[in-house]
N, C-alpha and C. Protein backbone atom coordinates (compact mmCIF):
# COMPACT_ATOMS: atom_id res chain seq x y z
N UNK A 1 -3.87 17.96 -27.75
CA UNK A 1 -3.86 17.45 -26.39
C UNK A 1 -4.39 16.02 -26.43
N UNK A 2 -3.64 15.08 -25.80
CA UNK A 2 -4.09 13.69 -25.83
C UNK A 2 -5.35 13.49 -25.00
N UNK A 3 -6.27 12.69 -25.54
CA UNK A 3 -7.49 12.42 -24.83
C UNK A 3 -7.32 11.30 -23.82
N UNK A 4 -8.36 11.03 -23.04
CA UNK A 4 -8.28 10.01 -22.00
C UNK A 4 -7.89 8.63 -22.53
N UNK A 5 -8.41 8.26 -23.70
CA UNK A 5 -8.07 6.93 -24.23
C UNK A 5 -6.59 6.85 -24.59
N UNK A 6 -6.05 7.93 -25.15
CA UNK A 6 -4.62 7.94 -25.47
C UNK A 6 -3.78 7.86 -24.20
N UNK A 7 -4.23 8.54 -23.16
CA UNK A 7 -3.48 8.50 -21.90
C UNK A 7 -3.59 7.14 -21.23
N UNK A 8 -4.75 6.50 -21.34
CA UNK A 8 -4.89 5.14 -20.81
C UNK A 8 -3.93 4.20 -21.54
N UNK A 9 -3.86 4.33 -22.85
CA UNK A 9 -2.95 3.50 -23.64
C UNK A 9 -1.50 3.77 -23.24
N UNK A 10 -1.17 5.02 -23.00
CA UNK A 10 0.19 5.38 -22.59
C UNK A 10 0.52 4.79 -21.21
N UNK A 11 -0.43 4.85 -20.31
CA UNK A 11 -0.24 4.27 -18.98
C UNK A 11 0.03 2.77 -19.09
N UNK A 12 -0.76 2.07 -19.87
CA UNK A 12 -0.57 0.63 -20.04
C UNK A 12 0.73 0.32 -20.77
N UNK A 13 1.10 1.16 -21.74
CA UNK A 13 2.35 0.97 -22.46
C UNK A 13 3.55 1.10 -21.52
N UNK A 14 3.54 2.13 -20.67
CA UNK A 14 4.62 2.31 -19.71
C UNK A 14 4.66 1.19 -18.68
N UNK A 15 3.51 0.67 -18.34
CA UNK A 15 3.46 -0.47 -17.43
C UNK A 15 4.14 -1.68 -18.07
N UNK A 16 3.92 -1.85 -19.36
CA UNK A 16 4.60 -2.92 -20.10
C UNK A 16 6.11 -2.73 -20.14
N UNK A 17 6.54 -1.50 -20.32
CA UNK A 17 7.98 -1.20 -20.31
C UNK A 17 8.57 -1.53 -18.94
N UNK A 18 7.85 -1.16 -17.89
CA UNK A 18 8.32 -1.46 -16.54
C UNK A 18 8.44 -2.97 -16.34
N UNK A 19 7.49 -3.71 -16.89
CA UNK A 19 7.55 -5.18 -16.77
C UNK A 19 8.77 -5.73 -17.49
N UNK A 20 9.01 -5.25 -18.69
CA UNK A 20 10.18 -5.73 -19.45
C UNK A 20 11.48 -5.33 -18.78
N UNK A 21 11.47 -4.23 -18.05
CA UNK A 21 12.67 -3.78 -17.34
C UNK A 21 12.86 -4.52 -16.01
N UNK A 22 11.87 -5.33 -15.64
CA UNK A 22 11.98 -6.09 -14.41
C UNK A 22 11.68 -5.29 -13.16
N UNK A 23 10.93 -4.20 -13.30
CA UNK A 23 10.63 -3.34 -12.15
C UNK A 23 9.16 -3.40 -11.73
N UNK A 24 8.47 -4.46 -12.15
CA UNK A 24 7.06 -4.63 -11.81
C UNK A 24 6.93 -5.67 -10.70
N UNK A 25 6.04 -5.39 -9.78
CA UNK A 25 5.70 -6.32 -8.71
C UNK A 25 4.28 -6.79 -9.01
N UNK A 26 4.10 -8.05 -9.43
CA UNK A 26 2.77 -8.52 -9.82
C UNK A 26 2.00 -9.15 -8.67
N UNK A 27 0.72 -8.81 -8.57
CA UNK A 27 -0.16 -9.44 -7.61
C UNK A 27 -0.32 -8.67 -6.32
N UNK A 28 -1.49 -8.78 -5.72
CA UNK A 28 -1.83 -8.03 -4.52
C UNK A 28 -0.89 -8.30 -3.36
N UNK A 29 -0.60 -9.56 -3.12
CA UNK A 29 0.26 -9.90 -1.98
C UNK A 29 1.67 -9.36 -2.15
N UNK A 30 2.22 -9.50 -3.35
CA UNK A 30 3.57 -8.99 -3.60
C UNK A 30 3.60 -7.47 -3.56
N UNK A 31 2.54 -6.83 -4.00
CA UNK A 31 2.46 -5.36 -3.91
C UNK A 31 2.48 -4.95 -2.43
N UNK A 32 1.69 -5.64 -1.59
CA UNK A 32 1.70 -5.33 -0.15
C UNK A 32 3.09 -5.51 0.44
N UNK A 33 3.75 -6.61 0.10
CA UNK A 33 5.09 -6.87 0.62
C UNK A 33 6.07 -5.78 0.21
N UNK A 34 6.04 -5.40 -1.07
CA UNK A 34 6.95 -4.37 -1.56
C UNK A 34 6.65 -3.01 -0.91
N UNK A 35 5.37 -2.73 -0.68
CA UNK A 35 4.99 -1.47 -0.03
C UNK A 35 5.54 -1.44 1.39
N UNK A 36 5.35 -2.52 2.12
CA UNK A 36 5.84 -2.58 3.51
C UNK A 36 7.36 -2.52 3.58
N UNK A 37 8.03 -3.07 2.57
CA UNK A 37 9.50 -3.07 2.53
C UNK A 37 10.06 -1.72 2.11
N UNK A 38 9.20 -0.82 1.62
CA UNK A 38 9.66 0.49 1.18
C UNK A 38 10.18 0.52 -0.24
N UNK A 39 9.90 -0.54 -1.01
CA UNK A 39 10.41 -0.64 -2.38
C UNK A 39 9.44 -0.12 -3.43
N UNK A 40 8.18 0.00 -3.09
CA UNK A 40 7.14 0.34 -4.06
C UNK A 40 7.04 1.84 -4.27
N UNK A 41 6.91 2.26 -5.53
CA UNK A 41 6.80 3.69 -5.86
C UNK A 41 5.45 4.07 -6.45
N UNK A 42 4.76 3.12 -7.06
CA UNK A 42 3.45 3.38 -7.67
C UNK A 42 2.72 2.06 -7.79
N UNK A 43 1.39 2.10 -7.65
CA UNK A 43 0.60 0.87 -7.78
C UNK A 43 -0.70 1.13 -8.51
N UNK A 44 -1.14 0.10 -9.20
CA UNK A 44 -2.46 0.10 -9.81
C UNK A 44 -3.22 -1.08 -9.21
N UNK A 45 -4.38 -0.80 -8.65
CA UNK A 45 -5.25 -1.83 -8.11
C UNK A 45 -6.41 -1.98 -9.08
N UNK A 46 -6.67 -3.19 -9.51
CA UNK A 46 -7.75 -3.42 -10.47
C UNK A 46 -9.10 -3.05 -9.87
N UNK A 47 -9.91 -2.38 -10.66
CA UNK A 47 -11.23 -1.95 -10.21
C UNK A 47 -12.13 -3.15 -9.92
N UNK A 48 -11.85 -4.28 -10.55
CA UNK A 48 -12.69 -5.46 -10.33
C UNK A 48 -12.07 -6.49 -9.39
N UNK A 49 -11.05 -6.08 -8.64
CA UNK A 49 -10.48 -7.00 -7.67
C UNK A 49 -11.49 -7.16 -6.53
N UNK A 50 -11.37 -8.24 -5.79
CA UNK A 50 -12.34 -8.50 -4.73
C UNK A 50 -12.33 -7.38 -3.69
N UNK A 51 -13.48 -7.12 -3.11
CA UNK A 51 -13.60 -6.08 -2.10
C UNK A 51 -12.67 -6.32 -0.93
N UNK A 52 -12.52 -7.57 -0.53
CA UNK A 52 -11.65 -7.90 0.59
C UNK A 52 -10.20 -7.49 0.30
N UNK A 53 -9.69 -7.89 -0.85
CA UNK A 53 -8.30 -7.55 -1.20
C UNK A 53 -8.13 -6.05 -1.36
N UNK A 54 -9.08 -5.44 -2.03
CA UNK A 54 -9.02 -3.99 -2.25
C UNK A 54 -9.07 -3.23 -0.93
N UNK A 55 -9.93 -3.67 -0.02
CA UNK A 55 -10.07 -3.00 1.27
C UNK A 55 -8.85 -3.18 2.16
N UNK A 56 -8.03 -4.15 1.88
CA UNK A 56 -6.79 -4.34 2.63
C UNK A 56 -5.62 -3.62 1.98
N UNK A 57 -5.62 -3.53 0.67
CA UNK A 57 -4.48 -2.97 -0.05
C UNK A 57 -4.53 -1.44 -0.13
N UNK A 58 -5.64 -0.88 -0.53
CA UNK A 58 -5.73 0.57 -0.75
C UNK A 58 -5.42 1.36 0.53
N UNK A 59 -5.97 1.01 1.69
CA UNK A 59 -5.60 1.76 2.90
C UNK A 59 -4.11 1.65 3.24
N UNK A 60 -3.51 0.52 2.97
CA UNK A 60 -2.08 0.37 3.20
C UNK A 60 -1.29 1.34 2.32
N UNK A 61 -1.64 1.38 1.03
CA UNK A 61 -0.96 2.29 0.11
C UNK A 61 -1.15 3.74 0.54
N UNK A 62 -2.37 4.10 0.91
CA UNK A 62 -2.64 5.46 1.39
C UNK A 62 -1.80 5.77 2.62
N UNK A 63 -1.83 4.85 3.58
CA UNK A 63 -1.13 5.06 4.83
C UNK A 63 0.37 5.22 4.66
N UNK A 64 0.93 4.54 3.67
CA UNK A 64 2.37 4.63 3.42
C UNK A 64 2.72 5.75 2.45
N UNK A 65 1.69 6.44 1.95
CA UNK A 65 1.93 7.56 1.03
C UNK A 65 2.41 7.13 -0.34
N UNK A 66 2.00 5.95 -0.78
CA UNK A 66 2.41 5.44 -2.09
C UNK A 66 1.36 5.84 -3.13
N UNK A 67 1.82 6.50 -4.18
CA UNK A 67 0.92 6.91 -5.26
C UNK A 67 0.27 5.66 -5.85
N UNK A 68 -1.04 5.74 -6.08
CA UNK A 68 -1.76 4.59 -6.62
C UNK A 68 -3.07 5.05 -7.25
N UNK A 69 -3.60 4.17 -8.07
CA UNK A 69 -4.92 4.37 -8.64
C UNK A 69 -5.67 3.05 -8.59
N UNK A 70 -6.97 3.14 -8.58
CA UNK A 70 -7.83 1.97 -8.72
C UNK A 70 -8.48 2.14 -10.09
N UNK A 71 -8.05 1.31 -11.03
CA UNK A 71 -8.49 1.48 -12.41
C UNK A 71 -8.27 0.20 -13.20
N UNK A 72 -8.82 0.17 -14.38
CA UNK A 72 -8.72 -0.96 -15.29
C UNK A 72 -9.34 -2.21 -14.68
N UNK A 73 -9.33 -3.28 -15.42
CA UNK A 73 -9.78 -4.55 -14.85
C UNK A 73 -8.58 -5.49 -14.78
N UNK A 74 -8.77 -6.59 -14.10
CA UNK A 74 -7.68 -7.54 -13.86
C UNK A 74 -7.07 -8.03 -15.18
N UNK A 75 -7.92 -8.27 -16.17
CA UNK A 75 -7.42 -8.75 -17.46
C UNK A 75 -6.49 -7.74 -18.12
N UNK A 76 -6.90 -6.47 -18.16
CA UNK A 76 -6.07 -5.44 -18.83
C UNK A 76 -4.75 -5.24 -18.12
N UNK A 77 -4.75 -5.28 -16.80
CA UNK A 77 -3.50 -5.12 -16.05
C UNK A 77 -2.58 -6.29 -16.33
N UNK A 78 -3.13 -7.50 -16.29
CA UNK A 78 -2.32 -8.68 -16.58
C UNK A 78 -1.75 -8.65 -17.99
N UNK A 79 -2.57 -8.30 -18.96
CA UNK A 79 -2.11 -8.21 -20.35
C UNK A 79 -1.00 -7.19 -20.51
N UNK A 80 -1.12 -6.07 -19.82
CA UNK A 80 -0.12 -5.00 -19.95
C UNK A 80 1.26 -5.45 -19.51
N UNK A 81 1.31 -6.37 -18.54
CA UNK A 81 2.61 -6.83 -18.03
C UNK A 81 2.93 -8.25 -18.46
N UNK A 82 2.15 -8.79 -19.41
CA UNK A 82 2.44 -10.10 -19.96
C UNK A 82 2.16 -11.25 -19.01
N UNK A 83 1.11 -11.13 -18.23
CA UNK A 83 0.76 -12.16 -17.25
C UNK A 83 -0.73 -12.47 -17.30
N UNK A 84 -1.11 -13.44 -16.48
CA UNK A 84 -2.53 -13.74 -16.29
C UNK A 84 -3.17 -12.55 -15.57
N UNK A 85 -4.49 -12.53 -15.46
CA UNK A 85 -5.14 -11.42 -14.77
C UNK A 85 -4.55 -11.18 -13.38
N UNK A 86 -4.39 -9.90 -13.06
CA UNK A 86 -3.80 -9.49 -11.78
C UNK A 86 -4.71 -8.51 -11.05
N UNK A 87 -4.83 -8.69 -9.75
CA UNK A 87 -5.63 -7.77 -8.94
C UNK A 87 -4.90 -6.47 -8.65
N UNK A 88 -3.58 -6.50 -8.73
CA UNK A 88 -2.78 -5.30 -8.50
C UNK A 88 -1.41 -5.49 -9.11
N UNK A 89 -0.78 -4.38 -9.41
CA UNK A 89 0.59 -4.39 -9.92
C UNK A 89 1.28 -3.14 -9.37
N UNK A 90 2.54 -3.29 -9.05
CA UNK A 90 3.30 -2.16 -8.55
C UNK A 90 4.56 -1.94 -9.37
N UNK A 91 5.11 -0.75 -9.27
CA UNK A 91 6.34 -0.39 -9.97
C UNK A 91 7.34 0.08 -8.93
N UNK A 92 8.57 -0.43 -9.05
CA UNK A 92 9.62 -0.08 -8.08
C UNK A 92 10.60 0.95 -8.61
N UNK A 93 10.69 1.13 -9.90
CA UNK A 93 11.66 2.06 -10.49
C UNK A 93 11.11 3.49 -10.37
N UNK A 94 11.84 4.37 -9.67
CA UNK A 94 11.31 5.71 -9.39
C UNK A 94 10.94 6.53 -10.63
N UNK A 95 11.75 6.51 -11.67
CA UNK A 95 11.46 7.32 -12.86
C UNK A 95 10.19 6.89 -13.57
N UNK A 96 10.05 5.59 -13.79
CA UNK A 96 8.83 5.08 -14.43
C UNK A 96 7.62 5.31 -13.54
N UNK A 97 7.79 5.09 -12.25
CA UNK A 97 6.69 5.29 -11.31
C UNK A 97 6.22 6.75 -11.32
N UNK A 98 7.17 7.67 -11.37
CA UNK A 98 6.82 9.09 -11.40
C UNK A 98 6.03 9.43 -12.66
N UNK A 99 6.46 8.90 -13.79
CA UNK A 99 5.76 9.17 -15.04
C UNK A 99 4.35 8.58 -15.02
N UNK A 100 4.22 7.36 -14.51
CA UNK A 100 2.91 6.73 -14.39
C UNK A 100 1.99 7.57 -13.50
N UNK A 101 2.51 8.04 -12.38
CA UNK A 101 1.73 8.87 -11.46
C UNK A 101 1.32 10.18 -12.12
N UNK A 102 2.21 10.77 -12.92
CA UNK A 102 1.88 12.01 -13.63
C UNK A 102 0.74 11.79 -14.61
N UNK A 103 0.81 10.70 -15.36
CA UNK A 103 -0.25 10.41 -16.34
C UNK A 103 -1.57 10.18 -15.61
N UNK A 104 -1.52 9.42 -14.52
CA UNK A 104 -2.74 9.14 -13.75
C UNK A 104 -3.31 10.43 -13.18
N UNK A 105 -2.46 11.30 -12.65
CA UNK A 105 -2.91 12.55 -12.06
C UNK A 105 -3.50 13.50 -13.11
N UNK A 106 -3.06 13.36 -14.36
CA UNK A 106 -3.57 14.20 -15.44
C UNK A 106 -4.92 13.75 -15.94
N UNK A 107 -5.50 12.77 -15.27
CA UNK A 107 -6.82 12.30 -15.67
C UNK A 107 -6.77 11.22 -16.71
N UNK A 108 -5.70 10.42 -16.67
CA UNK A 108 -5.54 9.38 -17.67
C UNK A 108 -6.62 8.32 -17.60
N UNK A 109 -7.06 8.02 -16.41
CA UNK A 109 -8.04 6.95 -16.25
C UNK A 109 -9.06 7.37 -15.22
N UNK A 110 -10.17 6.67 -15.23
CA UNK A 110 -11.18 6.91 -14.21
C UNK A 110 -10.69 6.26 -12.93
N UNK A 111 -10.20 7.06 -12.02
CA UNK A 111 -9.66 6.55 -10.76
C UNK A 111 -10.82 6.35 -9.79
N UNK A 112 -11.05 5.11 -9.42
CA UNK A 112 -12.16 4.78 -8.55
C UNK A 112 -11.76 4.72 -7.09
N UNK A 113 -10.68 5.38 -6.73
CA UNK A 113 -10.16 5.35 -5.36
C UNK A 113 -10.71 6.49 -4.53
N UNK A 114 -12.04 6.63 -4.56
CA UNK A 114 -12.74 7.59 -3.75
C UNK A 114 -12.04 8.82 -3.52
């Protein structure tokens, strides 16, 4: 059975695949826009993003019923998708988003989303 570190690595690996496939929405503002437009299927909000941004984004995701986690730091999320540090990243492709949500739900990462 894969341990938490292996699942974290798998989550980040799949996030990288989503980025290469062009189905990643980078950054808090773009994640909010995609969520409101109905395009977003899964999101990761960095645990070290500012309280203001986090307090605006997480309730929106909850309210719209979009699967999400608050995990990792901005650097790790940015590295996973080949970018500078990011406060949030979203995935629009349903299949990849579903797999990411499954890994997260299986206890892949310490989800700090209360």
